[in-house]
Amino acid sequence: MAASAVAPDRDAFRALAREQYLLPAERFSDAERDILRAASADQYRECLPASEPLTSLRETLTDDARLPPPFEYSWLVGLDGDRYRVETLEWVV
């Protein structure tokens, strides 16, 4: 096993994680942000067929960097001044 320092302190580590993983709200359409807001309040659910905003959100998230294991189905999202870990349980396709 080997370990390497990636940052000299906590603040530098947080800055590195933000730079590498945080997806800013501007990256998402208004409709996608509405879904993320609903998910942040509880859970967001849809039935078949998937709406266009959900399909678009799925494409945006899957094209961007996911968090490393054990959170490989999660993303860090900036929304309304807060940060959220968005986790998919199952996609509607």
PDB file of N, CA and C in Angstrom:
ATOM      1  N   MET A   1       0.847  -1.154   0.000  1.00  0.00           N
ATOM      2  CA  MET A   1       0.000   0.000   0.000  1.00  0.00           C
ATOM      3  C   MET A   1       0.901   1.227   0.000  1.00  0.00           C
ATOM      4  N   ALA A   2       0.458   2.268  -0.719  1.00  0.00           N
ATOM      5  CA  ALA A   2       1.204   3.523  -0.767  1.00  0.00           C
ATOM      6  C   ALA A   2       0.239   4.674  -0.548  1.00  0.00           C
ATOM      7  N   ALA A   3       0.731   5.737   0.018  1.00  0.00           N
ATOM      8  CA  ALA A   3      -0.081   6.936   0.236  1.00  0.00           C
ATOM      9  C   ALA A   3       0.699   8.142  -0.254  1.00  0.00           C
ATOM     10  N   SER A   4      -0.015   9.041  -0.884  1.00  0.00           N
ATOM     11  CA  SER A   4       0.600  10.267  -1.380  1.00  0.00           C
ATOM     12  C   SER A   4      -0.199  11.456  -0.885  1.00  0.00           C
ATOM     13  N   ALA A   5       0.485  12.495  -0.469  1.00  0.00           N
ATOM     14  CA  ALA A   5      -0.191  13.727  -0.065  1.00  0.00           C
ATOM     15  C   ALA A   5      -0.743  14.414  -1.303  1.00  0.00           C
ATOM     16  N   VAL A   6      -2.003  14.828  -1.246  1.00  0.00           N
ATOM     17  CA  VAL A   6      -2.603  15.531  -2.379  1.00  0.00           C
ATOM     18  C   VAL A   6      -2.820  17.009  -2.073  1.00  0.00           C
ATOM     19  N   ALA A   7      -2.745  17.360  -0.803  1.00  0.00           N
ATOM     20  CA  ALA A   7      -2.928  18.753  -0.401  1.00  0.00           C
ATOM     21  C   ALA A   7      -2.276  18.942   0.969  1.00  0.00           C
ATOM     22  N   PRO A   8      -1.764  20.140   1.239  1.00  0.00           N
ATOM     23  CA  PRO A   8      -1.067  20.368   2.498  1.00  0.00           C
ATOM     24  C   PRO A   8      -1.974  20.527   3.718  1.00  0.00           C
ATOM     25  N   ASP A   9      -3.266  20.852   3.487  1.00  0.00           N
ATOM     26  CA  ASP A   9      -4.176  21.041   4.626  1.00  0.00           C
ATOM     27  C   ASP A   9      -5.621  20.830   4.173  1.00  0.00           C
ATOM     28  N   ARG A  10      -6.544  20.918   5.122  1.00  0.00           N
ATOM     29  CA  ARG A  10      -7.959  20.656   4.857  1.00  0.00           C
ATOM     30  C   ARG A  10      -8.530  21.610   3.809  1.00  0.00           C
ATOM     31  N   ASP A  11      -8.237  22.898   3.932  1.00  0.00           N
ATOM     32  CA  ASP A  11      -8.776  23.867   2.980  1.00  0.00           C
ATOM     33  C   ASP A  11      -8.271  23.602   1.568  1.00  0.00           C
ATOM     34  N   ALA A  12      -7.003  23.263   1.444  1.00  0.00           N
ATOM     35  CA  ALA A  12      -6.446  22.955   0.130  1.00  0.00           C
ATOM     36  C   ALA A  12      -7.079  21.683  -0.439  1.00  0.00           C
ATOM     37  N   PHE A  13      -7.339  20.703   0.430  1.00  0.00           N
ATOM     38  CA  PHE A  13      -7.990  19.476  -0.019  1.00  0.00           C
ATOM     39  C   PHE A  13      -9.410  19.765  -0.500  1.00  0.00           C
ATOM     40  N   ARG A  14     -10.142  20.586   0.235  1.00  0.00           N
ATOM     41  CA  ARG A  14     -11.499  20.947  -0.182  1.00  0.00           C
ATOM     42  C   ARG A  14     -11.486  21.688  -1.518  1.00  0.00           C
ATOM     43  N   ALA A  15     -10.528  22.583  -1.684  1.00  0.00           N
ATOM     44  CA  ALA A  15     -10.412  23.313  -2.950  1.00  0.00           C
ATOM     45  C   ALA A  15     -10.128  22.347  -4.102  1.00  0.00           C
ATOM     46  N   LEU A  16      -9.265  21.380  -3.856  1.00  0.00           N
ATOM     47  CA  LEU A  16      -8.947  20.376  -4.880  1.00  0.00           C
ATOM     48  C   LEU A  16     -10.189  19.562  -5.240  1.00  0.00           C
ATOM     49  N   ALA A  17     -10.948  19.140  -4.238  1.00  0.00           N
ATOM     50  CA  ALA A  17     -12.166  18.356  -4.489  1.00  0.00           C
ATOM     51  C   ALA A  17     -13.191  19.192  -5.255  1.00  0.00           C
ATOM     52  N   ARG A  18     -13.356  20.462  -4.877  1.00  0.00           N
ATOM     53  CA  ARG A  18     -14.278  21.329  -5.607  1.00  0.00           C
ATOM     54  C   ARG A  18     -13.862  21.466  -7.071  1.00  0.00           C
ATOM     55  N   GLU A  19     -12.600  21.707  -7.282  1.00  0.00           N
ATOM     56  CA  GLU A  19     -12.093  21.894  -8.636  1.00  0.00           C
ATOM     57  C   GLU A  19     -12.285  20.639  -9.479  1.00  0.00           C
ATOM     58  N   GLN A  20     -12.071  19.496  -8.872  1.00  0.00           N
ATOM     59  CA  GLN A  20     -12.112  18.244  -9.619  1.00  0.00           C
ATOM     60  C   GLN A  20     -13.524  17.682  -9.786  1.00  0.00           C
ATOM     61  N   TYR A  21     -14.403  17.897  -8.785  1.00  0.00           N
ATOM     62  CA  TYR A  21     -15.688  17.190  -8.793  1.00  0.00           C
ATOM     63  C   TYR A  21     -16.939  18.052  -8.790  1.00  0.00           C
ATOM     64  N   LEU A  22     -16.879  19.278  -8.304  1.00  0.00           N
ATOM     65  CA  LEU A  22     -18.102  20.068  -8.135  1.00  0.00           C
ATOM     66  C   LEU A  22     -18.638  20.552  -9.477  1.00  0.00           C
ATOM     67  N   LEU A  23     -19.893  20.237  -9.741  1.00  0.00           N
ATOM     68  CA  LEU A  23     -20.580  20.698 -10.942  1.00  0.00           C
ATOM     69  C   LEU A  23     -21.401  21.924 -10.555  1.00  0.00           C
ATOM     70  N   PRO A  24     -21.094  23.097 -11.109  1.00  0.00           N
ATOM     71  CA  PRO A  24     -21.824  24.308 -10.728  1.00  0.00           C
ATOM     72  C   PRO A  24     -23.232  24.330 -11.310  1.00  0.00           C
ATOM     73  N   ALA A  25     -24.119  25.053 -10.657  1.00  0.00           N
ATOM     74  CA  ALA A  25     -25.520  25.131 -11.077  1.00  0.00           C
ATOM     75  C   ALA A  25     -25.656  25.633 -12.507  1.00  0.00           C
ATOM     76  N   GLU A  26     -24.731  26.491 -12.936  1.00  0.00           N
ATOM     77  CA  GLU A  26     -24.810  27.047 -14.285  1.00  0.00           C
ATOM     78  C   GLU A  26     -24.680  25.975 -15.366  1.00  0.00           C
ATOM     79  N   ARG A  27     -24.174  24.838 -14.994  1.00  0.00           N
ATOM     80  CA  ARG A  27     -23.985  23.731 -15.927  1.00  0.00           C
ATOM     81  C   ARG A  27     -25.319  23.103 -16.341  1.00  0.00           C
ATOM     82  N   PHE A  28     -26.361  23.348 -15.539  1.00  0.00           N
ATOM     83  CA  PHE A  28     -27.654  22.690 -15.731  1.00  0.00           C
ATOM     84  C   PHE A  28     -28.692  23.667 -16.267  1.00  0.00           C
ATOM     85  N   SER A  29     -29.637  23.143 -17.016  1.00  0.00           N
ATOM     86  CA  SER A  29     -30.760  23.964 -17.493  1.00  0.00           C
ATOM     87  C   SER A  29     -31.695  24.261 -16.318  1.00  0.00           C
ATOM     88  N   ASP A  30     -32.622  25.197 -16.518  1.00  0.00           N
ATOM     89  CA  ASP A  30     -33.596  25.511 -15.468  1.00  0.00           C
ATOM     90  C   ASP A  30     -34.397  24.275 -15.080  1.00  0.00           C
ATOM     91  N   ALA A  31     -34.812  23.496 -16.070  1.00  0.00           N
ATOM     92  CA  ALA A  31     -35.614  22.295 -15.796  1.00  0.00           C
ATOM     93  C   ALA A  31     -34.790  21.253 -15.026  1.00  0.00           C
ATOM     94  N   GLU A  32     -33.516  21.118 -15.375  1.00  0.00           N
ATOM     95  CA  GLU A  32     -32.643  20.180 -14.649  1.00  0.00           C
ATOM     96  C   GLU A  32     -32.445  20.647 -13.209  1.00  0.00           C
ATOM     97  N   ARG A  33     -32.277  21.957 -13.018  1.00  0.00           N
ATOM     98  CA  ARG A  33     -32.128  22.489 -11.652  1.00  0.00           C
ATOM     99  C   ARG A  33     -33.393  22.258 -10.842  1.00  0.00           C
ATOM    100  N   ASP A  34     -34.562  22.347 -11.474  1.00  0.00           N
ATOM    101  CA  ASP A  34     -35.820  22.058 -10.766  1.00  0.00           C
ATOM    102  C   ASP A  34     -35.827  20.622 -10.252  1.00  0.00           C
ATOM    103  N   ILE A  35     -35.349  19.684 -11.055  1.00  0.00           N
ATOM    104  CA  ILE A  35     -35.275  18.286 -10.622  1.00  0.00           C
ATOM    105  C   ILE A  35     -34.300  18.154  -9.455  1.00  0.00           C
ATOM    106  N   LEU A  36     -33.138  18.804  -9.555  1.00  0.00           N
ATOM    107  CA  LEU A  36     -32.146  18.733  -8.481  1.00  0.00           C
ATOM    108  C   LEU A  36     -32.687  19.350  -7.192  1.00  0.00           C
ATOM    109  N   ARG A  37     -33.445  20.449  -7.307  1.00  0.00           N
ATOM    110  CA  ARG A  37     -34.053  21.066  -6.113  1.00  0.00           C
ATOM    111  C   ARG A  37     -35.058  20.109  -5.474  1.00  0.00           C
ATOM    112  N   ALA A  38     -35.886  19.470  -6.290  1.00  0.00           N
ATOM    113  CA  ALA A  38     -36.864  18.509  -5.760  1.00  0.00           C
ATOM    114  C   ALA A  38     -36.149  17.357  -5.070  1.00  0.00           C
ATOM    115  N   ALA A  39     -35.058  16.897  -5.672  1.00  0.00           N
ATOM    116  CA  ALA A  39     -34.297  15.796  -5.069  1.00  0.00           C
ATOM    117  C   ALA A  39     -33.650  16.231  -3.759  1.00  0.00           C
ATOM    118  N   SER A  40     -33.221  17.492  -3.672  1.00  0.00           N
ATOM    119  CA  SER A  40     -32.569  17.948  -2.446  1.00  0.00           C
ATOM    120  C   SER A  40     -33.565  18.071  -1.300  1.00  0.00           C
ATOM    121  N   ALA A  41     -34.840  18.276  -1.621  1.00  0.00           N
ATOM    122  CA  ALA A  41     -35.869  18.380  -0.590  1.00  0.00           C
ATOM    123  C   ALA A  41     -36.293  17.013  -0.072  1.00  0.00           C
ATOM    124  N   ASP A  42     -36.189  15.996  -0.904  1.00  0.00           N
ATOM    125  CA  ASP A  42     -36.558  14.635  -0.506  1.00  0.00           C
ATOM    126  C   ASP A  42     -35.964  13.676  -1.524  1.00  0.00           C
ATOM    127  N   GLN A  43     -36.797  13.188  -2.400  1.00  0.00           N
ATOM    128  CA  GLN A  43     -36.353  12.349  -3.513  1.00  0.00           C
ATOM    129  C   GLN A  43     -37.134  12.778  -4.734  1.00  0.00           C
ATOM    130  N   TYR A  44     -36.551  12.580  -5.875  1.00  0.00           N
ATOM    131  CA  TYR A  44     -37.248  12.871  -7.121  1.00  0.00           C
ATOM    132  C   TYR A  44     -37.534  11.543  -7.799  1.00  0.00           C
ATOM    133  N   ARG A  45     -38.775  11.365  -8.211  1.00  0.00           N
ATOM    134  CA  ARG A  45     -39.167  10.105  -8.861  1.00  0.00           C
ATOM    135  C   ARG A  45     -39.942  10.405 -10.131  1.00  0.00           C
ATOM    136  N   GLU A  46     -39.741   9.566 -11.108  1.00  0.00           N
ATOM    137  CA  GLU A  46     -40.498   9.612 -12.359  1.00  0.00           C
ATOM    138  C   GLU A  46     -40.810   8.199 -12.781  1.00  0.00           C
ATOM    139  N   CYS A  47     -41.884   8.072 -13.532  1.00  0.00           N
ATOM    140  CA  CYS A  47     -42.242   6.788 -14.138  1.00  0.00           C
ATOM    141  C   CYS A  47     -42.003   6.891 -15.639  1.00  0.00           C
ATOM    142  N   LEU A  48     -42.006   5.749 -16.293  1.00  0.00           N
ATOM    143  CA  LEU A  48     -41.847   5.731 -17.743  1.00  0.00           C
ATOM    144  C   LEU A  48     -43.002   6.441 -18.424  1.00  0.00           C
ATOM    145  N   PRO A  49     -42.774   7.126 -19.489  1.00  0.00           N
ATOM    146  CA  PRO A  49     -41.480   7.417 -20.093  1.00  0.00           C
ATOM    147  C   PRO A  49     -40.799   8.570 -19.350  1.00  0.00           C
ATOM    148  N   ALA A  50     -39.504   8.586 -19.369  1.00  0.00           N
ATOM    149  CA  ALA A  50     -38.744   9.640 -18.704  1.00  0.00           C
ATOM    150  C   ALA A  50     -38.993  10.975 -19.403  1.00  0.00           C
ATOM    151  N   SER A  51     -39.109  12.018 -18.607  1.00  0.00           N
ATOM    152  CA  SER A  51     -39.306  13.348 -19.181  1.00  0.00           C
ATOM    153  C   SER A  51     -38.022  13.809 -19.878  1.00  0.00           C
ATOM    154  N   GLU A  52     -38.159  14.803 -20.731  1.00  0.00           N
ATOM    155  CA  GLU A  52     -36.998  15.353 -21.426  1.00  0.00           C
ATOM    156  C   GLU A  52     -35.998  15.963 -20.440  1.00  0.00           C
ATOM    157  N   PRO A  53     -36.464  16.722 -19.409  1.00  0.00           N
ATOM    158  CA  PRO A  53     -35.491  17.256 -18.456  1.00  0.00           C
ATOM    159  C   PRO A  53     -34.712  16.176 -17.706  1.00  0.00           C
ATOM    160  N   LEU A  54     -35.364  15.082 -17.337  1.00  0.00           N
ATOM    161  CA  LEU A  54     -34.658  14.010 -16.644  1.00  0.00           C
ATOM    162  C   LEU A  54     -33.668  13.325 -17.580  1.00  0.00           C
ATOM    163  N   THR A  55     -34.063  13.111 -18.815  1.00  0.00           N
ATOM    164  CA  THR A  55     -33.155  12.518 -19.802  1.00  0.00           C
ATOM    165  C   THR A  55     -31.934  13.414 -20.003  1.00  0.00           C
ATOM    166  N   SER A  56     -32.175  14.701 -20.105  1.00  0.00           N
ATOM    167  CA  SER A  56     -31.087  15.664 -20.274  1.00  0.00           C
ATOM    168  C   SER A  56     -30.172  15.685 -19.048  1.00  0.00           C
ATOM    169  N   LEU A  57     -30.756  15.658 -17.851  1.00  0.00           N
ATOM    170  CA  LEU A  57     -29.965  15.631 -16.622  1.00  0.00           C
ATOM    171  C   LEU A  57     -29.105  14.380 -16.565  1.00  0.00           C
ATOM    172  N   ARG A  58     -29.679  13.268 -16.945  1.00  0.00           N
ATOM    173  CA  ARG A  58     -28.915  12.014 -16.960  1.00  0.00           C
ATOM    174  C   ARG A  58     -27.709  12.121 -17.889  1.00  0.00           C
ATOM    175  N   GLU A  59     -27.906  12.694 -19.055  1.00  0.00           N
ATOM    176  CA  GLU A  59     -26.805  12.855 -19.998  1.00  0.00           C
ATOM    177  C   GLU A  59     -25.742  13.798 -19.442  1.00  0.00           C
ATOM    178  N   THR A  60     -26.170  14.876 -18.807  1.00  0.00           N
ATOM    179  CA  THR A  60     -25.221  15.831 -18.219  1.00  0.00           C
ATOM    180  C   THR A  60     -24.404  15.167 -17.120  1.00  0.00           C
ATOM    181  N   LEU A  61     -25.066  14.440 -16.246  1.00  0.00           N
ATOM    182  CA  LEU A  61     -24.355  13.813 -15.121  1.00  0.00           C
ATOM    183  C   LEU A  61     -23.447  12.683 -15.587  1.00  0.00           C
ATOM    184  N   THR A  62     -23.919  11.839 -16.477  1.00  0.00           N
ATOM    185  CA  THR A  62     -23.093  10.705 -16.876  1.00  0.00           C
ATOM    186  C   THR A  62     -21.899  11.127 -17.711  1.00  0.00           C
ATOM    187  N   ASP A  63     -21.987  12.296 -18.331  1.00  0.00           N
ATOM    188  CA  ASP A  63     -20.856  12.787 -19.114  1.00  0.00           C
ATOM    189  C   ASP A  63     -19.791  13.441 -18.237  1.00  0.00           C
ATOM    190  N   ASP A  64     -20.131  13.789 -17.017  1.00  0.00           N
ATOM    191  CA  ASP A  64     -19.195  14.468 -16.128  1.00  0.00           C
ATOM    192  C   ASP A  64     -18.582  13.500 -15.123  1.00  0.00           C
ATOM    193  N   ALA A  65     -17.554  13.982 -14.457  1.00  0.00           N
ATOM    194  CA  ALA A  65     -16.821  13.139 -13.502  1.00  0.00           C
ATOM    195  C   ALA A  65     -17.710  12.721 -12.342  1.00  0.00           C
ATOM    196  N   ARG A  66     -17.761  11.449 -12.129  1.00  0.00           N
ATOM    197  CA  ARG A  66     -18.438  10.915 -10.948  1.00  0.00           C
ATOM    198  C   ARG A  66     -17.468  10.946  -9.792  1.00  0.00           C
ATOM    199  N   LEU A  67     -18.010  10.836  -8.598  1.00  0.00           N
ATOM    200  CA  LEU A  67     -17.146  10.725  -7.429  1.00  0.00           C
ATOM    201  C   LEU A  67     -16.487   9.348  -7.436  1.00  0.00           C
ATOM    202  N   PRO A  68     -15.351   9.227  -6.787  1.00  0.00           N
ATOM    203  CA  PRO A  68     -14.680   7.923  -6.738  1.00  0.00           C
ATOM    204  C   PRO A  68     -15.430   6.953  -5.820  1.00  0.00           C
ATOM    205  N   PRO A  69     -15.149   5.655  -5.927  1.00  0.00           N
ATOM    206  CA  PRO A  69     -15.775   4.672  -5.045  1.00  0.00           C
ATOM    207  C   PRO A  69     -15.541   5.044  -3.582  1.00  0.00           C
ATOM    208  N   PRO A  70     -16.490   4.807  -2.735  1.00  0.00           N
ATOM    209  CA  PRO A  70     -17.708   4.007  -2.943  1.00  0.00           C
ATOM    210  C   PRO A  70     -18.899   4.830  -3.440  1.00  0.00           C
ATOM    211  N   PHE A  71     -18.669   6.019  -3.978  1.00  0.00           N
ATOM    212  CA  PHE A  71     -19.753   6.896  -4.420  1.00  0.00           C
ATOM    213  C   PHE A  71     -19.811   7.030  -5.940  1.00  0.00           C
ATOM    214  N   GLU A  72     -19.538   5.956  -6.670  1.00  0.00           N
ATOM    215  CA  GLU A  72     -19.428   6.053  -8.115  1.00  0.00           C
ATOM    216  C   GLU A  72     -20.740   6.364  -8.832  1.00  0.00           C
ATOM    217  N   TYR A  73     -21.854   6.333  -8.141  1.00  0.00           N
ATOM    218  CA  TYR A  73     -23.122   6.744  -8.739  1.00  0.00           C
ATOM    219  C   TYR A  73     -23.597   8.045  -8.110  1.00  0.00           C
ATOM    220  N   SER A  74     -22.623   8.887  -7.749  1.00  0.00           N
ATOM    221  CA  SER A  74     -22.902  10.161  -7.104  1.00  0.00           C
ATOM    222  C   SER A  74     -22.080  11.270  -7.745  1.00  0.00           C
ATOM    223  N   TRP A  75     -22.609  12.481  -7.626  1.00  0.00           N
ATOM    224  CA  TRP A  75     -21.944  13.671  -8.142  1.00  0.00           C
ATOM    225  C   TRP A  75     -22.092  14.774  -7.113  1.00  0.00           C
ATOM    226  N   LEU A  76     -21.117  15.686  -7.042  1.00  0.00           N
ATOM    227  CA  LEU A  76     -21.232  16.887  -6.221  1.00  0.00           C
ATOM    228  C   LEU A  76     -21.807  17.985  -7.096  1.00  0.00           C
ATOM    229  N   VAL A  77     -22.896  18.589  -6.614  1.00  0.00           N
ATOM    230  CA  VAL A  77     -23.588  19.610  -7.387  1.00  0.00           C
ATOM    231  C   VAL A  77     -23.743  20.860  -6.540  1.00  0.00           C
ATOM    232  N   GLY A  78     -23.375  21.990  -7.105  1.00  0.00           N
ATOM    233  CA  GLY A  78     -23.631  23.270  -6.463  1.00  0.00           C
ATOM    234  C   GLY A  78     -24.997  23.754  -6.897  1.00  0.00           C
ATOM    235  N   LEU A  79     -25.820  24.148  -5.925  1.00  0.00           N
ATOM    236  CA  LEU A  79     -27.185  24.563  -6.239  1.00  0.00           C
ATOM    237  C   LEU A  79     -27.658  25.563  -5.195  1.00  0.00           C
ATOM    238  N   ASP A  80     -28.038  26.750  -5.643  1.00  0.00           N
ATOM    239  CA  ASP A  80     -28.574  27.787  -4.756  1.00  0.00           C
ATOM    240  C   ASP A  80     -27.649  28.098  -3.583  1.00  0.00           C
ATOM    241  N   GLY A  81     -26.350  28.125  -3.847  1.00  0.00           N
ATOM    242  CA  GLY A  81     -25.380  28.471  -2.809  1.00  0.00           C
ATOM    243  C   GLY A  81     -24.985  27.334  -1.896  1.00  0.00           C
ATOM    244  N   ASP A  82     -25.570  26.169  -2.068  1.00  0.00           N
ATOM    245  CA  ASP A  82     -25.235  24.998  -1.256  1.00  0.00           C
ATOM    246  C   ASP A  82     -24.604  23.934  -2.150  1.00  0.00           C
ATOM    247  N   ARG A  83     -24.035  22.926  -1.498  1.00  0.00           N
ATOM    248  CA  ARG A  83     -23.456  21.789  -2.229  1.00  0.00           C
ATOM    249  C   ARG A  83     -24.193  20.525  -1.810  1.00  0.00           C
ATOM    250  N   TYR A  84     -24.467  19.686  -2.805  1.00  0.00           N
ATOM    251  CA  TYR A  84     -25.191  18.443  -2.559  1.00  0.00           C
ATOM    252  C   TYR A  84     -24.457  17.277  -3.205  1.00  0.00           C
ATOM    253  N   ARG A  85     -24.583  16.126  -2.585  1.00  0.00           N
ATOM    254  CA  ARG A  85     -24.152  14.898  -3.233  1.00  0.00           C
ATOM    255  C   ARG A  85     -25.404  14.289  -3.836  1.00  0.00           C
ATOM    256  N   VAL A  86     -25.451  14.270  -5.155  1.00  0.00           N
ATOM    257  CA  VAL A  86     -26.585  13.708  -5.884  1.00  0.00           C
ATOM    258  C   VAL A  86     -26.277  12.251  -6.150  1.00  0.00           C
ATOM    259  N   GLU A  87     -27.195  11.409  -5.729  1.00  0.00           N
ATOM    260  CA  GLU A  87     -26.988   9.961  -5.889  1.00  0.00           C
ATOM    261  C   GLU A  87     -28.145   9.399  -6.686  1.00  0.00           C
ATOM    262  N   THR A  88     -27.839   8.582  -7.668  1.00  0.00           N
ATOM    263  CA  THR A  88     -28.894   7.919  -8.424  1.00  0.00           C
ATOM    264  C   THR A  88     -29.143   6.543  -7.830  1.00  0.00           C
ATOM    265  N   LEU A  89     -30.394   6.261  -7.635  1.00  0.00           N
ATOM    266  CA  LEU A  89     -30.783   4.939  -7.171  1.00  0.00           C
ATOM    267  C   LEU A  89     -31.097   4.049  -8.365  1.00  0.00           C
ATOM    268  N   GLU A  90     -31.744   4.671  -9.358  1.00  0.00           N
ATOM    269  CA  GLU A  90     -32.106   3.941 -10.574  1.00  0.00           C
ATOM    270  C   GLU A  90     -32.548   4.976 -11.604  1.00  0.00           C
ATOM    271  N   TRP A  91     -32.142   4.802 -12.841  1.00  0.00           N
ATOM    272  CA  TRP A  91     -32.554   5.702 -13.910  1.00  0.00           C
ATOM    273  C   TRP A  91     -33.794   5.159 -14.598  1.00  0.00           C
ATOM    274  N   VAL A  92     -34.705   6.039 -14.980  1.00  0.00           N
ATOM    275  CA  VAL A  92     -35.848   5.688 -15.829  1.00  0.00           C
ATOM    276  C   VAL A  92     -35.342   5.793 -17.254  1.00  0.00           C
ATOM    277  N   VAL A  93     -35.478   4.721 -18.006  1.00  0.00           N
ATOM    278  CA  VAL A  93     -34.998   4.746 -19.398  1.00  0.00           C
ATOM    279  C   VAL A  93     -36.096   4.397 -20.366  1.00  0.00           C
TER     280      VAL A  93
END
